[in-house]
Amino acid sequence: MNAWLADHIYTTYILIFVFMTYVYNKVFRTRKLPVLKSLIIYVLLALGSVMLLFFQVAGLPIVLSLAVAVGLMLLVRVRYFVEKRSGNKKA
């Protein structure tokens, strides 16, 4: 899989950027920022994605690690949703 990701640089970059953006929005963004500050944040995320792309091409499993992190975050959201629904039925 790392070889395929190394061969498809643009796809790998987009995956890294999307995963990092999701993690930022769900974990680190506490309130809505003004447009210029949001733009600066996303530009910095794009630059960080380039750095992580170099690590991915060098052989580190960056995309896989980010995918696991996003998967665990989605699992927690599903768990909260199920707990909320089951709590409403008991009351």
PDB file of N, CA and C in Angstrom:
ATOM      1  N   MET A   1       0.810  -1.186   0.000  1.00  0.00           N
ATOM      2  CA  MET A   1       0.000   0.000   0.000  1.00  0.00           C
ATOM      3  C   MET A   1       0.862   1.262   0.000  1.00  0.00           C
ATOM      4  N   ASN A   2       1.956   1.236   0.762  1.00  0.00           N
ATOM      5  CA  ASN A   2       2.850   2.398   0.773  1.00  0.00           C
ATOM      6  C   ASN A   2       3.450   2.648  -0.596  1.00  0.00           C
ATOM      7  N   ALA A   3       3.712   1.575  -1.351  1.00  0.00           N
ATOM      8  CA  ALA A   3       4.265   1.746  -2.695  1.00  0.00           C
ATOM      9  C   ALA A   3       3.242   2.423  -3.609  1.00  0.00           C
ATOM     10  N   TRP A   4       1.972   2.018  -3.496  1.00  0.00           N
ATOM     11  CA  TRP A   4       0.940   2.646  -4.324  1.00  0.00           C
ATOM     12  C   TRP A   4       0.778   4.114  -3.960  1.00  0.00           C
ATOM     13  N   LEU A   5       0.792   4.417  -2.669  1.00  0.00           N
ATOM     14  CA  LEU A   5       0.664   5.805  -2.237  1.00  0.00           C
ATOM     15  C   LEU A   5       1.869   6.631  -2.678  1.00  0.00           C
ATOM     16  N   ALA A   6       3.049   6.017  -2.704  1.00  0.00           N
ATOM     17  CA  ALA A   6       4.234   6.735  -3.169  1.00  0.00           C
ATOM     18  C   ALA A   6       4.159   7.000  -4.668  1.00  0.00           C
ATOM     19  N   ASP A   7       3.504   6.112  -5.416  1.00  0.00           N
ATOM     20  CA  ASP A   7       3.361   6.303  -6.860  1.00  0.00           C
ATOM     21  C   ASP A   7       2.301   7.351  -7.197  1.00  0.00           C
ATOM     22  N   HIS A   8       1.307   7.519  -6.361  1.00  0.00           N
ATOM     23  CA  HIS A   8       0.212   8.459  -6.603  1.00  0.00           C
ATOM     24  C   HIS A   8       0.307   9.605  -5.595  1.00  0.00           C
ATOM     25  N   ILE A   9       1.194  10.537  -5.896  1.00  0.00           N
ATOM     26  CA  ILE A   9       1.522  11.617  -4.969  1.00  0.00           C
ATOM     27  C   ILE A   9       0.314  12.523  -4.699  1.00  0.00           C
ATOM     28  N   TYR A  10      -0.402  12.898  -5.755  1.00  0.00           N
ATOM     29  CA  TYR A  10      -1.514  13.841  -5.575  1.00  0.00           C
ATOM     30  C   TYR A  10      -2.643  13.230  -4.744  1.00  0.00           C
ATOM     31  N   THR A  11      -2.937  11.970  -4.987  1.00  0.00           N
ATOM     32  CA  THR A  11      -3.961  11.289  -4.204  1.00  0.00           C
ATOM     33  C   THR A  11      -3.539  11.195  -2.739  1.00  0.00           C
ATOM     34  N   THR A  12      -2.287  10.892  -2.512  1.00  0.00           N
ATOM     35  CA  THR A  12      -1.768  10.802  -1.151  1.00  0.00           C
ATOM     36  C   THR A  12      -1.849  12.150  -0.454  1.00  0.00           C
ATOM     37  N   TYR A  13      -1.483  13.220  -1.165  1.00  0.00           N
ATOM     38  CA  TYR A  13      -1.545  14.556  -0.582  1.00  0.00           C
ATOM     39  C   TYR A  13      -2.983  14.916  -0.203  1.00  0.00           C
ATOM     40  N   ILE A  14      -3.919  14.626  -1.089  1.00  0.00           N
ATOM     41  CA  ILE A  14      -5.322  14.947  -0.814  1.00  0.00           C
ATOM     42  C   ILE A  14      -5.827  14.151   0.390  1.00  0.00           C
ATOM     43  N   LEU A  15      -5.465  12.870   0.470  1.00  0.00           N
ATOM     44  CA  LEU A  15      -5.871  12.061   1.620  1.00  0.00           C
ATOM     45  C   LEU A  15      -5.316  12.627   2.927  1.00  0.00           C
ATOM     46  N   ILE A  16      -4.051  12.982   2.926  1.00  0.00           N
ATOM     47  CA  ILE A  16      -3.424  13.536   4.128  1.00  0.00           C
ATOM     48  C   ILE A  16      -4.110  14.839   4.514  1.00  0.00           C
ATOM     49  N   PHE A  17      -4.355  15.711   3.544  1.00  0.00           N
ATOM     50  CA  PHE A  17      -4.983  16.998   3.842  1.00  0.00           C
ATOM     51  C   PHE A  17      -6.402  16.825   4.365  1.00  0.00           C
ATOM     52  N   VAL A  18      -7.165  15.937   3.766  1.00  0.00           N
ATOM     53  CA  VAL A  18      -8.549  15.710   4.213  1.00  0.00           C
ATOM     54  C   VAL A  18      -8.571  15.127   5.619  1.00  0.00           C
ATOM     55  N   PHE A  19      -7.712  14.153   5.891  1.00  0.00           N
ATOM     56  CA  PHE A  19      -7.668  13.561   7.227  1.00  0.00           C
ATOM     57  C   PHE A  19      -7.240  14.583   8.275  1.00  0.00           C
ATOM     58  N   MET A  20      -6.224  15.384   7.953  1.00  0.00           N
ATOM     59  CA  MET A  20      -5.766  16.397   8.906  1.00  0.00           C
ATOM     60  C   MET A  20      -6.836  17.449   9.148  1.00  0.00           C
ATOM     61  N   THR A  21      -7.559  17.828   8.107  1.00  0.00           N
ATOM     62  CA  THR A  21      -8.630  18.811   8.257  1.00  0.00           C
ATOM     63  C   THR A  21      -9.742  18.267   9.133  1.00  0.00           C
ATOM     64  N   TYR A  22     -10.092  17.012   8.949  1.00  0.00           N
ATOM     65  CA  TYR A  22     -11.133  16.401   9.785  1.00  0.00           C
ATOM     66  C   TYR A  22     -10.697  16.373  11.245  1.00  0.00           C
ATOM     67  N   VAL A  23      -9.468  15.958  11.493  1.00  0.00           N
ATOM     68  CA  VAL A  23      -8.969  15.909  12.874  1.00  0.00           C
ATOM     69  C   VAL A  23      -8.956  17.308  13.476  1.00  0.00           C
ATOM     70  N   TYR A  24      -8.515  18.300  12.717  1.00  0.00           N
ATOM     71  CA  TYR A  24      -8.505  19.674  13.236  1.00  0.00           C
ATOM     72  C   TYR A  24      -9.913  20.137  13.581  1.00  0.00           C
ATOM     73  N   ASN A  25     -10.848  19.914  12.673  1.00  0.00           N
ATOM     74  CA  ASN A  25     -12.214  20.402  12.897  1.00  0.00           C
ATOM     75  C   ASN A  25     -12.900  19.703  14.058  1.00  0.00           C
ATOM     76  N   LYS A  26     -12.646  18.443  14.272  1.00  0.00           N
ATOM     77  CA  LYS A  26     -13.340  17.710  15.329  1.00  0.00           C
ATOM     78  C   LYS A  26     -12.649  17.795  16.684  1.00  0.00           C
ATOM     79  N   VAL A  27     -11.347  18.049  16.707  1.00  0.00           N
ATOM     80  CA  VAL A  27     -10.610  18.014  17.978  1.00  0.00           C
ATOM     81  C   VAL A  27     -10.172  19.400  18.428  1.00  0.00           C
ATOM     82  N   PHE A  28      -9.586  20.180  17.543  1.00  0.00           N
ATOM     83  CA  PHE A  28      -8.918  21.401  17.960  1.00  0.00           C
ATOM     84  C   PHE A  28      -9.731  22.671  17.765  1.00  0.00           C
ATOM     85  N   ARG A  29     -10.736  22.660  16.905  1.00  0.00           N
ATOM     86  CA  ARG A  29     -11.517  23.879  16.669  1.00  0.00           C
ATOM     87  C   ARG A  29     -12.619  23.968  17.717  1.00  0.00           C
ATOM     88  N   THR A  30     -12.491  24.954  18.606  1.00  0.00           N
ATOM     89  CA  THR A  30     -13.467  25.089  19.673  1.00  0.00           C
ATOM     90  C   THR A  30     -14.566  26.067  19.315  1.00  0.00           C
ATOM     91  N   ARG A  31     -14.274  27.035  18.466  1.00  0.00           N
ATOM     92  CA  ARG A  31     -15.277  28.014  18.051  1.00  0.00           C
ATOM     93  C   ARG A  31     -14.976  28.425  16.607  1.00  0.00           C
ATOM     94  N   LYS A  32     -15.940  29.069  15.997  1.00  0.00           N
ATOM     95  CA  LYS A  32     -15.775  29.505  14.623  1.00  0.00           C
ATOM     96  C   LYS A  32     -14.863  30.730  14.589  1.00  0.00           C
ATOM     97  N   LEU A  33     -13.829  30.663  13.740  1.00  0.00           N
ATOM     98  CA  LEU A  33     -12.881  31.760  13.622  1.00  0.00           C
ATOM     99  C   LEU A  33     -13.278  32.694  12.488  1.00  0.00           C
ATOM    100  N   PRO A  34     -12.748  33.922  12.502  1.00  0.00           N
ATOM    101  CA  PRO A  34     -12.969  34.814  11.360  1.00  0.00           C
ATOM    102  C   PRO A  34     -12.358  34.202  10.081  1.00  0.00           C
ATOM    103  N   VAL A  35     -12.808  34.718   8.951  1.00  0.00           N
ATOM    104  CA  VAL A  35     -12.436  34.125   7.664  1.00  0.00           C
ATOM    105  C   VAL A  35     -10.927  34.144   7.444  1.00  0.00           C
ATOM    106  N   LEU A  36     -10.266  35.255   7.728  1.00  0.00           N
ATOM    107  CA  LEU A  36      -8.824  35.357   7.485  1.00  0.00           C
ATOM    108  C   LEU A  36      -8.043  34.387   8.372  1.00  0.00           C
ATOM    109  N   LYS A  37      -8.439  34.266   9.619  1.00  0.00           N
ATOM    110  CA  LYS A  37      -7.760  33.325  10.512  1.00  0.00           C
ATOM    111  C   LYS A  37      -7.996  31.885  10.079  1.00  0.00           C
ATOM    112  N   SER A  38      -9.199  31.592   9.617  1.00  0.00           N
ATOM    113  CA  SER A  38      -9.484  30.244   9.103  1.00  0.00           C
ATOM    114  C   SER A  38      -8.643  29.957   7.869  1.00  0.00           C
ATOM    115  N   LEU A  39      -8.513  30.941   7.001  1.00  0.00           N
ATOM    116  CA  LEU A  39      -7.683  30.777   5.800  1.00  0.00           C
ATOM    117  C   LEU A  39      -6.231  30.497   6.171  1.00  0.00           C
ATOM    118  N   ILE A  40      -5.724  31.212   7.167  1.00  0.00           N
ATOM    119  CA  ILE A  40      -4.342  30.994   7.607  1.00  0.00           C
ATOM    120  C   ILE A  40      -4.189  29.581   8.172  1.00  0.00           C
ATOM    121  N   ILE A  41      -5.167  29.127   8.944  1.00  0.00           N
ATOM    122  CA  ILE A  41      -5.115  27.777   9.516  1.00  0.00           C
ATOM    123  C   ILE A  41      -5.063  26.732   8.409  1.00  0.00           C
ATOM    124  N   TYR A  42      -5.921  26.883   7.395  1.00  0.00           N
ATOM    125  CA  TYR A  42      -5.960  25.882   6.332  1.00  0.00           C
ATOM    126  C   TYR A  42      -4.715  25.933   5.444  1.00  0.00           C
ATOM    127  N   VAL A  43      -4.124  27.107   5.269  1.00  0.00           N
ATOM    128  CA  VAL A  43      -2.853  27.198   4.539  1.00  0.00           C
ATOM    129  C   VAL A  43      -1.758  26.478   5.317  1.00  0.00           C
ATOM    130  N   LEU A  44      -1.736  26.667   6.632  1.00  0.00           N
ATOM    131  CA  LEU A  44      -0.753  25.969   7.456  1.00  0.00           C
ATOM    132  C   LEU A  44      -0.989  24.459   7.454  1.00  0.00           C
ATOM    133  N   LEU A  45      -2.265  24.042   7.431  1.00  0.00           N
ATOM    134  CA  LEU A  45      -2.556  22.608   7.311  1.00  0.00           C
ATOM    135  C   LEU A  45      -2.055  22.075   5.968  1.00  0.00           C
ATOM    136  N   ALA A  46      -2.195  22.857   4.916  1.00  0.00           N
ATOM    137  CA  ALA A  46      -1.713  22.434   3.602  1.00  0.00           C
ATOM    138  C   ALA A  46      -0.198  22.297   3.597  1.00  0.00           C
ATOM    139  N   LEU A  47       0.490  23.233   4.235  1.00  0.00           N
ATOM    140  CA  LEU A  47       1.957  23.136   4.324  1.00  0.00           C
ATOM    141  C   LEU A  47       2.380  21.943   5.177  1.00  0.00           C
ATOM    142  N   GLY A  48       1.680  21.706   6.261  1.00  0.00           N
ATOM    143  CA  GLY A  48       1.965  20.533   7.087  1.00  0.00           C
ATOM    144  C   GLY A  48       1.700  19.237   6.340  1.00  0.00           C
ATOM    145  N   SER A  49       0.705  19.255   5.454  1.00  0.00           N
ATOM    146  CA  SER A  49       0.417  18.070   4.652  1.00  0.00           C
ATOM    147  C   SER A  49       1.558  17.767   3.691  1.00  0.00           C
ATOM    148  N   VAL A  50       2.209  18.815   3.180  1.00  0.00           N
ATOM    149  CA  VAL A  50       3.369  18.607   2.301  1.00  0.00           C
ATOM    150  C   VAL A  50       4.488  17.934   3.084  1.00  0.00           C
ATOM    151  N   MET A  51       4.712  18.390   4.302  1.00  0.00           N
ATOM    152  CA  MET A  51       5.758  17.787   5.127  1.00  0.00           C
ATOM    153  C   MET A  51       5.439  16.318   5.418  1.00  0.00           C
ATOM    154  N   LEU A  52       4.192  16.034   5.763  1.00  0.00           N
ATOM    155  CA  LEU A  52       3.807  14.648   6.031  1.00  0.00           C
ATOM    156  C   LEU A  52       3.849  13.804   4.756  1.00  0.00           C
ATOM    157  N   LEU A  53       3.631  14.434   3.595  1.00  0.00           N
ATOM    158  CA  LEU A  53       3.743  13.719   2.322  1.00  0.00           C
ATOM    159  C   LEU A  53       5.174  13.235   2.107  1.00  0.00           C
ATOM    160  N   PHE A  54       6.137  14.068   2.459  1.00  0.00           N
ATOM    161  CA  PHE A  54       7.535  13.640   2.340  1.00  0.00           C
ATOM    162  C   PHE A  54       7.821  12.441   3.238  1.00  0.00           C
ATOM    163  N   PHE A  55       7.286  12.458   4.446  1.00  0.00           N
ATOM    164  CA  PHE A  55       7.471  11.322   5.350  1.00  0.00           C
ATOM    165  C   PHE A  55       6.788  10.069   4.810  1.00  0.00           C
ATOM    166  N   GLN A  56       5.616  10.234   4.205  1.00  0.00           N
ATOM    167  CA  GLN A  56       4.901   9.095   3.621  1.00  0.00           C
ATOM    168  C   GLN A  56       5.708   8.485   2.477  1.00  0.00           C
ATOM    169  N   VAL A  57       6.249   9.330   1.622  1.00  0.00           N
ATOM    170  CA  VAL A  57       7.033   8.834   0.487  1.00  0.00           C
ATOM    171  C   VAL A  57       8.315   8.163   0.981  1.00  0.00           C
ATOM    172  N   ALA A  58       8.850   8.643   2.113  1.00  0.00           N
ATOM    173  CA  ALA A  58      10.067   8.056   2.669  1.00  0.00           C
ATOM    174  C   ALA A  58       9.815   6.681   3.290  1.00  0.00           C
ATOM    175  N   GLY A  59       8.552   6.323   3.511  1.00  0.00           N
ATOM    176  CA  GLY A  59       8.274   4.983   4.011  1.00  0.00           C
ATOM    177  C   GLY A  59       7.478   4.903   5.295  1.00  0.00           C
ATOM    178  N   LEU A  60       7.203   6.040   5.919  1.00  0.00           N
ATOM    179  CA  LEU A  60       6.402   6.013   7.148  1.00  0.00           C
ATOM    180  C   LEU A  60       4.916   5.897   6.804  1.00  0.00           C
ATOM    181  N   PRO A  61       4.140   5.189   7.601  1.00  0.00           N
ATOM    182  CA  PRO A  61       2.709   4.996   7.295  1.00  0.00           C
ATOM    183  C   PRO A  61       1.842   6.159   7.788  1.00  0.00           C
ATOM    184  N   ILE A  62       2.011   7.324   7.217  1.00  0.00           N
ATOM    185  CA  ILE A  62       1.290   8.519   7.650  1.00  0.00           C
ATOM    186  C   ILE A  62      -0.198   8.404   7.321  1.00  0.00           C
ATOM    187  N   VAL A  63      -0.517   8.008   6.092  1.00  0.00           N
ATOM    188  CA  VAL A  63      -1.921   7.922   5.686  1.00  0.00           C
ATOM    189  C   VAL A  63      -2.648   6.872   6.519  1.00  0.00           C
ATOM    190  N   LEU A  64      -2.021   5.756   6.742  1.00  0.00           N
ATOM    191  CA  LEU A  64      -2.631   4.709   7.551  1.00  0.00           C
ATOM    192  C   LEU A  64      -2.854   5.185   8.989  1.00  0.00           C
ATOM    193  N   SER A  65      -1.898   5.887   9.549  1.00  0.00           N
ATOM    194  CA  SER A  65      -2.041   6.402  10.913  1.00  0.00           C
ATOM    195  C   SER A  65      -3.175   7.412  11.013  1.00  0.00           C
ATOM    196  N   LEU A  66      -3.259   8.315  10.038  1.00  0.00           N
ATOM    197  CA  LEU A  66      -4.342   9.286  10.043  1.00  0.00           C
ATOM    198  C   LEU A  66      -5.686   8.606   9.830  1.00  0.00           C
ATOM    199  N   ALA A  67      -5.717   7.564   9.002  1.00  0.00           N
ATOM    200  CA  ALA A  67      -6.964   6.834   8.763  1.00  0.00           C
ATOM    201  C   ALA A  67      -7.430   6.133  10.044  1.00  0.00           C
ATOM    202  N   VAL A  68      -6.500   5.577  10.793  1.00  0.00           N
ATOM    203  CA  VAL A  68      -6.853   4.942  12.070  1.00  0.00           C
ATOM    204  C   VAL A  68      -7.384   5.985  13.047  1.00  0.00           C
ATOM    205  N   ALA A  69      -6.744   7.148  13.099  1.00  0.00           N
ATOM    206  CA  ALA A  69      -7.204   8.211  13.996  1.00  0.00           C
ATOM    207  C   ALA A  69      -8.612   8.664  13.626  1.00  0.00           C
ATOM    208  N   VAL A  70      -8.868   8.864  12.344  1.00  0.00           N
ATOM    209  CA  VAL A  70     -10.197   9.286  11.896  1.00  0.00           C
ATOM    210  C   VAL A  70     -11.212   8.178  12.160  1.00  0.00           C
ATOM    211  N   GLY A  71     -10.830   6.943  11.932  1.00  0.00           N
ATOM    212  CA  GLY A  71     -11.731   5.821  12.212  1.00  0.00           C
ATOM    213  C   GLY A  71     -12.116   5.743  13.674  1.00  0.00           C
ATOM    214  N   LEU A  72     -11.151   5.932  14.557  1.00  0.00           N
ATOM    215  CA  LEU A  72     -11.450   5.922  15.996  1.00  0.00           C
ATOM    216  C   LEU A  72     -12.344   7.097  16.388  1.00  0.00           C
ATOM    217  N   MET A  73     -12.122   8.250  15.776  1.00  0.00           N
ATOM    218  CA  MET A  73     -12.968   9.407  16.066  1.00  0.00           C
ATOM    219  C   MET A  73     -14.398   9.159  15.597  1.00  0.00           C
ATOM    220  N   LEU A  74     -14.556   8.541  14.433  1.00  0.00           N
ATOM    221  CA  LEU A  74     -15.892   8.208  13.943  1.00  0.00           C
ATOM    222  C   LEU A  74     -16.563   7.174  14.845  1.00  0.00           C
ATOM    223  N   LEU A  75     -15.782   6.225  15.343  1.00  0.00           N
ATOM    224  CA  LEU A  75     -16.319   5.215  16.253  1.00  0.00           C
ATOM    225  C   LEU A  75     -16.843   5.849  17.539  1.00  0.00           C
ATOM    226  N   VAL A  76     -16.120   6.809  18.063  1.00  0.00           N
ATOM    227  CA  VAL A  76     -16.567   7.509  19.270  1.00  0.00           C
ATOM    228  C   VAL A  76     -17.851   8.281  18.992  1.00  0.00           C
ATOM    229  N   ARG A  77     -17.943   8.921  17.821  1.00  0.00           N
ATOM    230  CA  ARG A  77     -19.167   9.662  17.478  1.00  0.00           C
ATOM    231  C   ARG A  77     -20.361   8.725  17.357  1.00  0.00           C
ATOM    232  N   VAL A  78     -20.145   7.551  16.774  1.00  0.00           N
ATOM    233  CA  VAL A  78     -21.224   6.573  16.654  1.00  0.00           C
ATOM    234  C   VAL A  78     -21.640   6.102  18.049  1.00  0.00           C
ATOM    235  N   ARG A  79     -20.672   5.872  18.909  1.00  0.00           N
ATOM    236  CA  ARG A  79     -20.980   5.437  20.275  1.00  0.00           C
ATOM    237  C   ARG A  79     -21.799   6.483  21.025  1.00  0.00           C
ATOM    238  N   TYR A  80     -21.416   7.754  20.903  1.00  0.00           N
ATOM    239  CA  TYR A  80     -22.191   8.820  21.537  1.00  0.00           C
ATOM    240  C   TYR A  80     -23.602   8.878  20.973  1.00  0.00           C
ATOM    241  N   PHE A  81     -23.743   8.681  19.679  1.00  0.00           N
ATOM    242  CA  PHE A  81     -25.064   8.691  19.051  1.00  0.00           C
ATOM    243  C   PHE A  81     -25.930   7.551  19.580  1.00  0.00           C
ATOM    244  N   VAL A  82     -25.349   6.359  19.692  1.00  0.00           N
ATOM    245  CA  VAL A  82     -26.094   5.203  20.186  1.00  0.00           C
ATOM    246  C   VAL A  82     -26.473   5.398  21.650  1.00  0.00           C
ATOM    247  N   GLU A  83     -25.555   5.911  22.458  1.00  0.00           N
ATOM    248  CA  GLU A  83     -25.863   6.162  23.867  1.00  0.00           C
ATOM    249  C   GLU A  83     -26.965   7.198  24.015  1.00  0.00           C
ATOM    250  N   LYS A  84     -26.946   8.214  23.182  1.00  0.00           N
ATOM    251  CA  LYS A  84     -27.978   9.250  23.245  1.00  0.00           C
ATOM    252  C   LYS A  84     -29.339   8.681  22.870  1.00  0.00           C
ATOM    253  N   ARG A  85     -29.388   7.846  21.855  1.00  0.00           N
ATOM    254  CA  ARG A  85     -30.659   7.239  21.452  1.00  0.00           C
ATOM    255  C   ARG A  85     -31.180   6.260  22.489  1.00  0.00           C
ATOM    256  N   SER A  86     -30.296   5.471  23.064  1.00  0.00           N
ATOM    257  CA  SER A  86     -30.750   4.521  24.073  1.00  0.00           C
ATOM    258  C   SER A  86     -31.179   5.236  25.358  1.00  0.00           C
ATOM    259  N   GLY A  87     -30.574   6.355  25.672  1.00  0.00           N
ATOM    260  CA  GLY A  87     -30.959   7.138  26.845  1.00  0.00           C
ATOM    261  C   GLY A  87     -32.326   7.751  26.682  1.00  0.00           C
ATOM    262  N   ASN A  88     -32.680   8.151  25.463  1.00  0.00           N
ATOM    263  CA  ASN A  88     -34.006   8.733  25.215  1.00  0.00           C
ATOM    264  C   ASN A  88     -35.099   7.689  25.325  1.00  0.00           C
ATOM    265  N   LYS A  89     -34.833   6.441  24.980  1.00  0.00           N
ATOM    266  CA  LYS A  89     -35.849   5.408  25.033  1.00  0.00           C
ATOM    267  C   LYS A  89     -36.172   4.989  26.466  1.00  0.00           C
ATOM    268  N   LYS A  90     -35.162   5.059  27.352  1.00  0.00           N
ATOM    269  CA  LYS A  90     -35.394   4.659  28.741  1.00  0.00           C
ATOM    270  C   LYS A  90     -36.227   5.675  29.493  1.00  0.00           C
ATOM    271  N   ALA A  91     -36.126   6.924  29.116  1.00  0.00           N
ATOM    272  CA  ALA A  91     -36.855   7.980  29.843  1.00  0.00           C
ATOM    273  C   ALA A  91     -38.281   8.071  29.423  1.00  0.00           C
TER     274      ALA A  91
END
